[in-house]
Amino acid sequence: MIYYATLWLAFYSQIKKLSFLSFYLCPKKMFQTRKFYTILFAVGALYVLLVQQFFKNEGRFLFHTPAFSEEIPYSFDTDFQELNLPINKDINLHGLWFKHQNAKALVLLFPDSDVDFRDMEIEKNLYFNSGFDVLITAYRGTALSSGKPKTENELYSDAQYWYGFAKSQFQEQQIVIAGQGIGCPVAAQLASKHQPRALILENPDYSYSQTIKKRFWYLPYAYFTGFPLNTWKSVRKASCEIILIQDEDEKGKAETINNYLKGNDKIYWKESSAVLPYSNQTENRDMFKSIFDSFGFME
């Protein structure tokens, strides 16, 4: 009952934003008719239904990387291993581990939500090209991972399993956590709980819910989202070195992640027209070489 009451209040708040239009565009006597209130109730009921369905299936909207059948094999021209981490009887996490024979470090990569694992061009990835092993994780309901993400806590919990596996293969100071797009808040939250060698964030949102709220102002996002994904909160708590690669449009904004960087952290600005993800573009090779050289892995 409280849930639906809150939905109605959210609808009322949106109506208030548009009330000035109704005042000028509609005759005053219209507000005194039963028909007007019947239409208002119907529109309100439809709004409540749509909002309910959106937030009930929010995870499907956020993570639209295609799922596919196990019958479709991967085809890569480099050494790799398919990983499957059973969480419980219903959830199995899937990932791809791209290997070098004598890798000195591992990049645990949380990709953006639109990465198709079957079409991945790992040969273009600057982490892998620089001699790192790369473990790319698939979120629930994507690639061969089962289930559907319902809240951000499930994303964070799944990330802990991946980190546990990474630690079973490499020492913690040989692990770099990286995030791209919507993978940034997951990577940042994980880094805030551990002591990896570094955290690399490629064009993160300050707060994903804040970004969505600006685009879809008519949705009561702040009240019902299961995915606030506040990257800035985790960056503020992380004690490891942070490498931030950010769109230059973020310069000068009051709310920006670079406000929470520490003295030894680094920030690299990229033009707004730059292609994402940055770590897959050959023109960024020198920038990433500078980053990796500072880690001292290849010495």
C-alpha atoms as a PDB file:
ATOM      1  CA  MET A   1       0.000   0.000   0.000  1.00  0.00           C
ATOM      2  CA  ILE A   2       2.836   2.392   0.879  1.00  0.00           C
ATOM      3  CA  TYR A   3       4.515   1.503  -2.422  1.00  0.00           C
ATOM      4  CA  TYR A   4       1.475   2.498  -4.494  1.00  0.00           C
ATOM      5  CA  ALA A   5       0.843   5.596  -2.403  1.00  0.00           C
ATOM      6  CA  THR A   6       4.377   6.713  -3.130  1.00  0.00           C
ATOM      7  CA  LEU A   7       3.832   6.084  -6.817  1.00  0.00           C
ATOM      8  CA  TRP A   8       0.743   8.298  -6.774  1.00  0.00           C
ATOM      9  CA  LEU A   9       2.688  11.017  -4.979  1.00  0.00           C
ATOM     10  CA  ALA A  10       5.395  10.742  -7.637  1.00  0.00           C
ATOM     11  CA  PHE A  11       2.750  11.109 -10.342  1.00  0.00           C
ATOM     12  CA  TYR A  12       1.316  14.137  -8.542  1.00  0.00           C
ATOM     13  CA  SER A  13       4.749  15.752  -8.395  1.00  0.00           C
ATOM     14  CA  GLN A  14       5.136  15.342 -12.149  1.00  0.00           C
ATOM     15  CA  ILE A  15       1.676  16.794 -12.720  1.00  0.00           C
ATOM     16  CA  LYS A  16       2.609  19.820 -10.631  1.00  0.00           C
ATOM     17  CA  LYS A  17       5.561  20.470 -12.940  1.00  0.00           C
ATOM     18  CA  LEU A  18       3.171  20.695 -15.857  1.00  0.00           C
ATOM     19  CA  SER A  19       0.329  22.450 -14.070  1.00  0.00           C
ATOM     20  CA  PHE A  20       1.240  25.849 -15.467  1.00  0.00           C
ATOM     21  CA  LEU A  21       0.649  24.499 -18.979  1.00  0.00           C
ATOM     22  CA  SER A  22      -2.753  23.180 -18.035  1.00  0.00           C
ATOM     23  CA  PHE A  23      -3.668  26.538 -16.541  1.00  0.00           C
ATOM     24  CA  TYR A  24      -2.999  28.373 -19.797  1.00  0.00           C
ATOM     25  CA  LEU A  25      -4.064  25.754 -22.321  1.00  0.00           C
ATOM     26  CA  CYS A  26      -7.258  24.446 -20.711  1.00  0.00           C
ATOM     27  CA  PRO A  27     -10.456  26.380 -19.934  1.00  0.00           C
ATOM     28  CA  LYS A  28     -10.946  26.901 -16.201  1.00  0.00           C
ATOM     29  CA  LYS A  29     -14.361  25.274 -16.278  1.00  0.00           C
ATOM     30  CA  MET A  30     -12.740  22.080 -17.500  1.00  0.00           C
ATOM     31  CA  PHE A  31     -11.236  21.536 -14.050  1.00  0.00           C
ATOM     32  CA  GLN A  32     -14.755  21.455 -12.601  1.00  0.00           C
ATOM     33  CA  THR A  33     -16.010  18.559 -14.746  1.00  0.00           C
ATOM     34  CA  ARG A  34     -16.196  14.888 -13.822  1.00  0.00           C
ATOM     35  CA  LYS A  35     -14.745  13.975 -17.217  1.00  0.00           C
ATOM     36  CA  PHE A  36     -11.542  15.842 -16.444  1.00  0.00           C
ATOM     37  CA  TYR A  37     -10.988  13.928 -13.207  1.00  0.00           C
ATOM     38  CA  THR A  38     -11.855  10.628 -14.875  1.00  0.00           C
ATOM     39  CA  ILE A  39      -9.208  11.271 -17.522  1.00  0.00           C
ATOM     40  CA  LEU A  40      -6.747  12.398 -14.860  1.00  0.00           C
ATOM     41  CA  PHE A  41      -7.346   9.204 -12.876  1.00  0.00           C
ATOM     42  CA  ALA A  42      -6.901   7.050 -15.991  1.00  0.00           C
ATOM     43  CA  VAL A  43      -3.662   8.809 -16.934  1.00  0.00           C
ATOM     44  CA  GLY A  44      -2.465   8.477 -13.356  1.00  0.00           C
ATOM     45  CA  ALA A  45      -3.263   4.770 -13.276  1.00  0.00           C
ATOM     46  CA  LEU A  46      -1.402   4.251 -16.556  1.00  0.00           C
ATOM     47  CA  TYR A  47       1.586   6.206 -15.261  1.00  0.00           C
ATOM     48  CA  VAL A  48       1.681   4.115 -12.068  1.00  0.00           C
ATOM     49  CA  LEU A  49       1.497   0.891 -14.085  1.00  0.00           C
ATOM     50  CA  LEU A  50       4.279   1.934 -16.452  1.00  0.00           C
ATOM     51  CA  VAL A  51       6.526   3.086 -13.609  1.00  0.00           C
ATOM     52  CA  GLN A  52       5.917  -0.162 -11.728  1.00  0.00           C
ATOM     53  CA  GLN A  53       6.841  -2.273 -14.759  1.00  0.00           C
ATOM     54  CA  PHE A  54       9.919  -0.170 -15.529  1.00  0.00           C
ATOM     55  CA  PHE A  55      11.426  -0.525 -12.079  1.00  0.00           C
ATOM     56  CA  LYS A  56      10.375  -4.159 -11.806  1.00  0.00           C
ATOM     57  CA  ASN A  57      12.454  -4.873 -14.922  1.00  0.00           C
ATOM     58  CA  GLU A  58      15.068  -2.161 -14.426  1.00  0.00           C
ATOM     59  CA  GLY A  59      17.976  -4.571 -14.660  1.00  0.00           C
ATOM     60  CA  ARG A  60      16.938  -5.623 -18.157  1.00  0.00           C
ATOM     61  CA  PHE A  61      17.008  -2.013 -19.336  1.00  0.00           C
ATOM     62  CA  LEU A  62      20.433  -1.346 -17.839  1.00  0.00           C
ATOM     63  CA  PHE A  63      22.184  -4.507 -18.990  1.00  0.00           C
ATOM     64  CA  HIS A  64      21.357  -5.249 -22.589  1.00  0.00           C
ATOM     65  CA  THR A  65      24.420  -7.268 -23.532  1.00  0.00           C
ATOM     66  CA  PRO A  66      22.928 -10.224 -25.415  1.00  0.00           C
ATOM     67  CA  ALA A  67      22.647 -13.603 -23.748  1.00  0.00           C
ATOM     68  CA  PHE A  68      23.304 -16.604 -25.978  1.00  0.00           C
ATOM     69  CA  SER A  69      23.341 -20.377 -26.041  1.00  0.00           C
ATOM     70  CA  GLU A  70      26.253 -22.542 -24.966  1.00  0.00           C
ATOM     71  CA  GLU A  71      25.975 -24.192 -28.369  1.00  0.00           C
ATOM     72  CA  ILE A  72      27.588 -21.136 -29.957  1.00  0.00           C
ATOM     73  CA  PRO A  73      31.363 -21.506 -29.405  1.00  0.00           C
ATOM     74  CA  TYR A  74      33.766 -18.642 -28.958  1.00  0.00           C
ATOM     75  CA  SER A  75      36.392 -18.064 -31.599  1.00  0.00           C
ATOM     76  CA  PHE A  76      39.510 -16.115 -30.635  1.00  0.00           C
ATOM     77  CA  ASP A  77      43.031 -16.170 -32.042  1.00  0.00           C
ATOM     78  CA  THR A  78      44.635 -16.098 -28.633  1.00  0.00           C
ATOM     79  CA  ASP A  79      44.791 -18.289 -25.552  1.00  0.00           C
ATOM     80  CA  PHE A  80      41.669 -17.959 -23.441  1.00  0.00           C
ATOM     81  CA  GLN A  81      39.613 -19.845 -20.897  1.00  0.00           C
ATOM     82  CA  GLU A  82      35.882 -19.784 -20.294  1.00  0.00           C
ATOM     83  CA  LEU A  83      35.086 -19.348 -16.611  1.00  0.00           C
ATOM     84  CA  ASN A  84      31.906 -20.303 -14.791  1.00  0.00           C
ATOM     85  CA  LEU A  85      31.504 -19.399 -11.133  1.00  0.00           C
ATOM     86  CA  PRO A  86      28.500 -21.040  -9.442  1.00  0.00           C
ATOM     87  CA  ILE A  87      27.045 -18.661  -6.850  1.00  0.00           C
ATOM     88  CA  ASN A  88      24.110 -20.829  -5.849  1.00  0.00           C
ATOM     89  CA  LYS A  89      21.814 -23.406  -7.471  1.00  0.00           C
ATOM     90  CA  ASP A  90      20.186 -20.709  -9.616  1.00  0.00           C
ATOM     91  CA  ILE A  91      23.034 -18.322 -10.443  1.00  0.00           C
ATOM     92  CA  ASN A  92      26.135 -19.053 -12.469  1.00  0.00           C
ATOM     93  CA  LEU A  93      28.530 -16.254 -13.431  1.00  0.00           C
ATOM     94  CA  HIS A  94      30.351 -16.396 -16.733  1.00  0.00           C
ATOM     95  CA  GLY A  95      33.566 -14.729 -17.808  1.00  0.00           C
ATOM     96  CA  LEU A  96      36.444 -14.918 -20.268  1.00  0.00           C
ATOM     97  CA  TRP A  97      40.062 -15.071 -19.149  1.00  0.00           C
ATOM     98  CA  PHE A  98      42.520 -14.053 -21.879  1.00  0.00           C
ATOM     99  CA  LYS A  99      46.001 -15.276 -21.034  1.00  0.00           C
ATOM    100  CA  HIS A 100      49.676 -14.607 -21.662  1.00  0.00           C
ATOM    101  CA  GLN A 101      52.268 -17.261 -20.981  1.00  0.00           C
ATOM    102  CA  ASN A 102      54.190 -15.173 -18.448  1.00  0.00           C
ATOM    103  CA  ALA A 103      51.746 -12.455 -17.417  1.00  0.00           C
ATOM    104  CA  LYS A 104      52.937 -10.420 -14.458  1.00  0.00           C
ATOM    105  CA  ALA A 105      49.533  -8.970 -13.643  1.00  0.00           C
ATOM    106  CA  LEU A 106      45.813  -9.394 -14.216  1.00  0.00           C
ATOM    107  CA  VAL A 107      43.258  -6.785 -15.246  1.00  0.00           C
ATOM    108  CA  LEU A 108      39.844  -7.645 -13.800  1.00  0.00           C
ATOM    109  CA  LEU A 109      37.572  -5.839 -16.227  1.00  0.00           C
ATOM    110  CA  PHE A 110      33.942  -4.868 -15.675  1.00  0.00           C
ATOM    111  CA  PRO A 111      32.726  -3.827 -19.133  1.00  0.00           C
ATOM    112  CA  ASP A 112      29.939  -1.513 -20.241  1.00  0.00           C
ATOM    113  CA  SER A 113      26.452  -2.946 -20.631  1.00  0.00           C
ATOM    114  CA  ASP A 114      26.504  -3.332 -24.419  1.00  0.00           C
ATOM    115  CA  VAL A 115      29.578  -5.534 -24.919  1.00  0.00           C
ATOM    116  CA  ASP A 116      28.904  -8.608 -27.058  1.00  0.00           C
ATOM    117  CA  PHE A 117      31.292 -11.320 -25.872  1.00  0.00           C
ATOM    118  CA  ARG A 118      31.077 -13.210 -29.182  1.00  0.00           C
ATOM    119  CA  ASP A 119      32.246 -10.203 -31.201  1.00  0.00           C
ATOM    120  CA  MET A 120      34.951  -9.067 -28.800  1.00  0.00           C
ATOM    121  CA  GLU A 121      38.187  -8.022 -30.487  1.00  0.00           C
ATOM    122  CA  ILE A 122      40.617  -8.771 -27.700  1.00  0.00           C
ATOM    123  CA  GLU A 123      43.541  -8.146 -30.039  1.00  0.00           C
ATOM    124  CA  LYS A 124      42.682  -4.431 -29.954  1.00  0.00           C
ATOM    125  CA  ASN A 125      42.491  -4.274 -26.171  1.00  0.00           C
ATOM    126  CA  LEU A 126      45.366  -2.202 -24.791  1.00  0.00           C
ATOM    127  CA  TYR A 127      45.378  -4.042 -21.460  1.00  0.00           C
ATOM    128  CA  PHE A 128      45.967  -7.346 -23.228  1.00  0.00           C
ATOM    129  CA  ASN A 129      48.385  -5.848 -25.773  1.00  0.00           C
ATOM    130  CA  SER A 130      50.503  -4.522 -22.923  1.00  0.00           C
ATOM    131  CA  GLY A 131      51.134  -7.995 -21.547  1.00  0.00           C
ATOM    132  CA  PHE A 132      48.414  -8.222 -18.930  1.00  0.00           C
ATOM    133  CA  ASP A 133      46.068 -11.143 -18.519  1.00  0.00           C
ATOM    134  CA  VAL A 134      42.505  -9.844 -18.879  1.00  0.00           C
ATOM    135  CA  LEU A 135      39.492 -11.348 -17.127  1.00  0.00           C
ATOM    136  CA  ILE A 136      36.262  -9.915 -18.543  1.00  0.00           C
ATOM    137  CA  THR A 137      33.144 -10.527 -16.475  1.00  0.00           C
ATOM    138  CA  ALA A 138      29.576 -11.004 -17.701  1.00  0.00           C
ATOM    139  CA  TYR A 139      26.769  -9.564 -15.585  1.00  0.00           C
ATOM    140  CA  ARG A 140      23.762 -11.657 -14.666  1.00  0.00           C
ATOM    141  CA  GLY A 141      21.540 -12.314 -17.660  1.00  0.00           C
ATOM    142  CA  THR A 142      24.270 -11.454 -20.187  1.00  0.00           C
ATOM    143  CA  ALA A 143      26.492 -13.759 -22.265  1.00  0.00           C
ATOM    144  CA  LEU A 144      26.281 -17.126 -20.442  1.00  0.00           C
ATOM    145  CA  SER A 145      25.651 -15.739 -16.952  1.00  0.00           C
ATOM    146  CA  SER A 146      22.290 -16.856 -15.575  1.00  0.00           C
ATOM    147  CA  GLY A 147      19.692 -14.900 -13.634  1.00  0.00           C
ATOM    148  CA  LYS A 148      18.826 -11.214 -13.816  1.00  0.00           C
ATOM    149  CA  PRO A 149      20.294  -8.366 -11.739  1.00  0.00           C
ATOM    150  CA  LYS A 150      17.640  -6.886  -9.451  1.00  0.00           C
ATOM    151  CA  THR A 151      19.701  -4.485  -7.333  1.00  0.00           C
ATOM    152  CA  GLU A 152      23.145  -2.940  -7.283  1.00  0.00           C
ATOM    153  CA  ASN A 153      24.002  -5.066  -4.238  1.00  0.00           C
ATOM    154  CA  GLU A 154      23.783  -8.169  -6.414  1.00  0.00           C
ATOM    155  CA  LEU A 155      26.263  -6.606  -8.836  1.00  0.00           C
ATOM    156  CA  TYR A 156      28.612  -5.793  -5.981  1.00  0.00           C
ATOM    157  CA  SER A 157      28.244  -9.276  -4.490  1.00  0.00           C
ATOM    158  CA  ASP A 158      29.003 -10.918  -7.839  1.00  0.00           C
ATOM    159  CA  ALA A 159      32.084  -8.723  -8.221  1.00  0.00           C
ATOM    160  CA  GLN A 160      33.379 -10.063  -4.894  1.00  0.00           C
ATOM    161  CA  TYR A 161      33.276 -13.603  -6.290  1.00  0.00           C
ATOM    162  CA  TRP A 162      35.307 -12.505  -9.298  1.00  0.00           C
ATOM    163  CA  TYR A 163      37.846 -10.808  -7.068  1.00  0.00           C
ATOM    164  CA  GLY A 164      38.139 -13.950  -4.979  1.00  0.00           C
ATOM    165  CA  PHE A 165      38.937 -15.924  -8.112  1.00  0.00           C
ATOM    166  CA  ALA A 166      41.460 -13.311  -9.254  1.00  0.00           C
ATOM    167  CA  LYS A 167      43.233 -13.523  -5.882  1.00  0.00           C
ATOM    168  CA  SER A 168      43.456 -17.295  -6.258  1.00  0.00           C
ATOM    169  CA  GLN A 169      45.522 -16.764  -9.430  1.00  0.00           C
ATOM    170  CA  PHE A 170      47.527 -13.604  -8.690  1.00  0.00           C
ATOM    171  CA  GLN A 171      48.760 -11.751  -5.639  1.00  0.00           C
ATOM    172  CA  GLU A 172      46.579  -8.793  -4.740  1.00  0.00           C
ATOM    173  CA  GLN A 173      49.230  -6.249  -5.752  1.00  0.00           C
ATOM    174  CA  GLN A 174      49.280  -7.886  -9.181  1.00  0.00           C
ATOM    175  CA  ILE A 175      45.587  -7.164  -9.748  1.00  0.00           C
ATOM    176  CA  VAL A 176      44.288  -4.059 -11.490  1.00  0.00           C
ATOM    177  CA  ILE A 177      40.521  -3.475 -11.385  1.00  0.00           C
ATOM    178  CA  ALA A 178      39.122  -1.671 -14.426  1.00  0.00           C
ATOM    179  CA  GLY A 179      35.659  -0.394 -15.261  1.00  0.00           C
ATOM    180  CA  GLN A 180      34.094   0.854 -18.472  1.00  0.00           C
ATOM    181  CA  GLY A 181      30.808   2.790 -18.543  1.00  0.00           C
ATOM    182  CA  ILE A 182      28.303   1.144 -16.242  1.00  0.00           C
ATOM    183  CA  GLY A 183      31.059  -1.181 -15.062  1.00  0.00           C
ATOM    184  CA  CYS A 184      32.772   1.788 -13.366  1.00  0.00           C
ATOM    185  CA  PRO A 185      30.599   1.896 -10.216  1.00  0.00           C
ATOM    186  CA  VAL A 186      30.990  -1.882  -9.836  1.00  0.00           C
ATOM    187  CA  ALA A 187      34.765  -1.662 -10.216  1.00  0.00           C
ATOM    188  CA  ALA A 188      35.006   1.325  -7.853  1.00  0.00           C
ATOM    189  CA  GLN A 189      32.901  -0.342  -5.154  1.00  0.00           C
ATOM    190  CA  LEU A 190      35.049  -3.479  -5.361  1.00  0.00           C
ATOM    191  CA  ALA A 191      38.276  -1.486  -5.134  1.00  0.00           C
ATOM    192  CA  SER A 192      36.949   0.361  -2.084  1.00  0.00           C
ATOM    193  CA  LYS A 193      36.697  -2.983  -0.244  1.00  0.00           C
ATOM    194  CA  HIS A 194      40.157  -4.307  -1.135  1.00  0.00           C
ATOM    195  CA  GLN A 195      43.749  -3.333  -1.857  1.00  0.00           C
ATOM    196  CA  PRO A 196      44.410  -3.972  -5.558  1.00  0.00           C
ATOM    197  CA  ARG A 197      47.404  -2.400  -7.285  1.00  0.00           C
ATOM    198  CA  ALA A 198      45.172   0.188  -8.931  1.00  0.00           C
ATOM    199  CA  LEU A 199      41.694   1.098 -10.117  1.00  0.00           C
ATOM    200  CA  ILE A 200      41.184   2.349 -13.695  1.00  0.00           C
ATOM    201  CA  LEU A 201      37.889   4.054 -14.553  1.00  0.00           C
ATOM    202  CA  GLU A 202      37.074   4.806 -18.194  1.00  0.00           C
ATOM    203  CA  ASN A 203      34.593   7.689 -18.500  1.00  0.00           C
ATOM    204  CA  PRO A 204      32.541   6.968 -15.367  1.00  0.00           C
ATOM    205  CA  ASP A 205      29.296   8.681 -14.442  1.00  0.00           C
ATOM    206  CA  TYR A 206      29.354  10.628 -11.199  1.00  0.00           C
ATOM    207  CA  SER A 207      26.125   8.843 -10.306  1.00  0.00           C
ATOM    208  CA  TYR A 208      24.319   6.625 -12.771  1.00  0.00           C
ATOM    209  CA  SER A 209      20.916   7.304 -11.199  1.00  0.00           C
ATOM    210  CA  GLN A 210      21.587  11.028 -11.448  1.00  0.00           C
ATOM    211  CA  THR A 211      22.370  10.673 -15.159  1.00  0.00           C
ATOM    212  CA  ILE A 212      19.206   8.658 -15.785  1.00  0.00           C
ATOM    213  CA  LYS A 213      17.139  11.123 -13.767  1.00  0.00           C
ATOM    214  CA  LYS A 214      18.242  13.970 -16.039  1.00  0.00           C
ATOM    215  CA  ARG A 215      17.280  12.035 -19.166  1.00  0.00           C
ATOM    216  CA  PHE A 216      14.009  10.649 -17.835  1.00  0.00           C
ATOM    217  CA  TRP A 217      12.868  13.454 -15.558  1.00  0.00           C
ATOM    218  CA  TYR A 218       9.283  12.149 -15.611  1.00  0.00           C
ATOM    219  CA  LEU A 219      10.280   8.977 -13.724  1.00  0.00           C
ATOM    220  CA  PRO A 220      10.572   8.999  -9.899  1.00  0.00           C
ATOM    221  CA  TYR A 221      14.009   7.458 -10.243  1.00  0.00           C
ATOM    222  CA  ALA A 222      15.406   8.580  -6.920  1.00  0.00           C
ATOM    223  CA  TYR A 223      12.563   6.887  -5.036  1.00  0.00           C
ATOM    224  CA  PHE A 224      12.443   3.444  -6.656  1.00  0.00           C
ATOM    225  CA  THR A 225      15.687   2.604  -8.405  1.00  0.00           C
ATOM    226  CA  GLY A 226      17.507  -0.504  -7.311  1.00  0.00           C
ATOM    227  CA  PHE A 227      20.648   0.777  -9.037  1.00  0.00           C
ATOM    228  CA  PRO A 228      21.788   4.151  -7.612  1.00  0.00           C
ATOM    229  CA  LEU A 229      25.364   3.249  -8.670  1.00  0.00           C
ATOM    230  CA  ASN A 230      27.000   6.246  -7.013  1.00  0.00           C
ATOM    231  CA  THR A 231      30.543   5.929  -8.314  1.00  0.00           C
ATOM    232  CA  TRP A 232      31.736   8.984  -6.405  1.00  0.00           C
ATOM    233  CA  LYS A 233      30.976   7.387  -3.021  1.00  0.00           C
ATOM    234  CA  SER A 234      33.206   4.401  -3.768  1.00  0.00           C
ATOM    235  CA  VAL A 235      35.990   6.553  -5.241  1.00  0.00           C
ATOM    236  CA  ARG A 236      35.957   8.582  -2.052  1.00  0.00           C
ATOM    237  CA  LYS A 237      36.479   5.413   0.021  1.00  0.00           C
ATOM    238  CA  ALA A 238      39.044   3.649  -2.168  1.00  0.00           C
ATOM    239  CA  SER A 239      42.588   3.722  -0.788  1.00  0.00           C
ATOM    240  CA  CYS A 240      44.361   2.230  -3.809  1.00  0.00           C
ATOM    241  CA  GLU A 241      45.779   4.309  -6.643  1.00  0.00           C
ATOM    242  CA  ILE A 242      43.050   5.526  -9.018  1.00  0.00           C
ATOM    243  CA  ILE A 243      43.491   6.262 -12.712  1.00  0.00           C
ATOM    244  CA  LEU A 244      40.591   8.321 -14.035  1.00  0.00           C
ATOM    245  CA  ILE A 245      40.140   8.729 -17.799  1.00  0.00           C
ATOM    246  CA  GLN A 246      37.380  11.275 -18.236  1.00  0.00           C
ATOM    247  CA  ASP A 247      35.461  13.218 -20.848  1.00  0.00           C
ATOM    248  CA  GLU A 248      36.718  16.802 -20.850  1.00  0.00           C
ATOM    249  CA  ASP A 249      33.102  18.013 -20.666  1.00  0.00           C
ATOM    250  CA  GLU A 250      33.285  17.094 -16.963  1.00  0.00           C
ATOM    251  CA  LYS A 251      35.803  19.873 -16.338  1.00  0.00           C
ATOM    252  CA  GLY A 252      34.428  22.624 -14.161  1.00  0.00           C
ATOM    253  CA  LYS A 253      31.310  20.769 -13.055  1.00  0.00           C
ATOM    254  CA  ALA A 254      30.405  21.045  -9.398  1.00  0.00           C
ATOM    255  CA  GLU A 255      29.685  17.324  -9.101  1.00  0.00           C
ATOM    256  CA  THR A 256      32.534  15.394 -10.674  1.00  0.00           C
ATOM    257  CA  ILE A 257      34.512  12.356  -9.591  1.00  0.00           C
ATOM    258  CA  ASN A 258      37.891  14.075  -9.825  1.00  0.00           C
ATOM    259  CA  ASN A 259      36.891  16.086  -6.737  1.00  0.00           C
ATOM    260  CA  TYR A 260      37.478  12.899  -4.723  1.00  0.00           C
ATOM    261  CA  LEU A 261      40.859  11.877  -6.111  1.00  0.00           C
ATOM    262  CA  LYS A 262      43.799  11.586  -3.744  1.00  0.00           C
ATOM    263  CA  GLY A 263      47.214  13.149  -4.151  1.00  0.00           C
ATOM    264  CA  ASN A 264      48.799  10.128  -5.881  1.00  0.00           C
ATOM    265  CA  ASP A 265      45.832   9.530  -8.204  1.00  0.00           C
ATOM    266  CA  LYS A 266      45.978  10.535 -11.863  1.00  0.00           C
ATOM    267  CA  ILE A 267      43.454  11.961 -14.278  1.00  0.00           C
ATOM    268  CA  TYR A 268      43.598  11.958 -18.074  1.00  0.00           C
ATOM    269  CA  TRP A 269      41.204  14.125 -20.070  1.00  0.00           C
ATOM    270  CA  LYS A 270      39.831  12.989 -23.418  1.00  0.00           C
ATOM    271  CA  GLU A 271      37.899  14.922 -26.047  1.00  0.00           C
ATOM    272  CA  SER A 272      34.149  14.391 -26.088  1.00  0.00           C
ATOM    273  CA  SER A 273      34.406  12.998 -29.608  1.00  0.00           C
ATOM    274  CA  ALA A 274      36.798  10.231 -28.495  1.00  0.00           C
ATOM    275  CA  VAL A 275      35.591   6.703 -29.171  1.00  0.00           C
ATOM    276  CA  LEU A 276      34.710   4.454 -26.226  1.00  0.00           C
ATOM    277  CA  PRO A 277      36.000   2.375 -24.615  1.00  0.00           C
ATOM    278  CA  TYR A 278      39.316   4.189 -24.488  1.00  0.00           C
ATOM    279  CA  SER A 279      41.265   0.986 -23.862  1.00  0.00           C
ATOM    280  CA  ASN A 280      40.242  -0.410 -27.262  1.00  0.00           C
ATOM    281  CA  GLN A 281      41.525   2.514 -29.349  1.00  0.00           C
ATOM    282  CA  THR A 282      45.055   2.399 -30.745  1.00  0.00           C
ATOM    283  CA  GLU A 283      45.399   6.202 -30.576  1.00  0.00           C
ATOM    284  CA  ASN A 284      45.417   5.865 -26.781  1.00  0.00           C
ATOM    285  CA  ARG A 285      48.386   3.488 -26.756  1.00  0.00           C
ATOM    286  CA  ASP A 286      50.881   6.068 -25.440  1.00  0.00           C
ATOM    287  CA  MET A 287      48.525   7.155 -22.675  1.00  0.00           C
ATOM    288  CA  PHE A 288      48.002   3.603 -21.451  1.00  0.00           C
ATOM    289  CA  LYS A 289      51.717   2.833 -21.756  1.00  0.00           C
ATOM    290  CA  SER A 290      52.391   5.746 -19.428  1.00  0.00           C
ATOM    291  CA  ILE A 291      49.809   4.379 -16.998  1.00  0.00           C
ATOM    292  CA  PHE A 292      51.181   0.837 -17.071  1.00  0.00           C
ATOM    293  CA  ASP A 293      54.797   1.946 -16.773  1.00  0.00           C
ATOM    294  CA  SER A 294      53.923   3.724 -13.533  1.00  0.00           C
ATOM    295  CA  PHE A 295      52.694   0.418 -12.068  1.00  0.00           C
ATOM    296  CA  GLY A 296      56.155  -1.151 -12.438  1.00  0.00           C
ATOM    297  CA  PHE A 297      54.846  -4.584 -13.453  1.00  0.00           C
ATOM    298  CA  MET A 298      57.017  -4.979 -16.519  1.00  0.00           C
ATOM    299  CA  GLU A 299      60.317  -4.043 -14.932  1.00  0.00           C
END
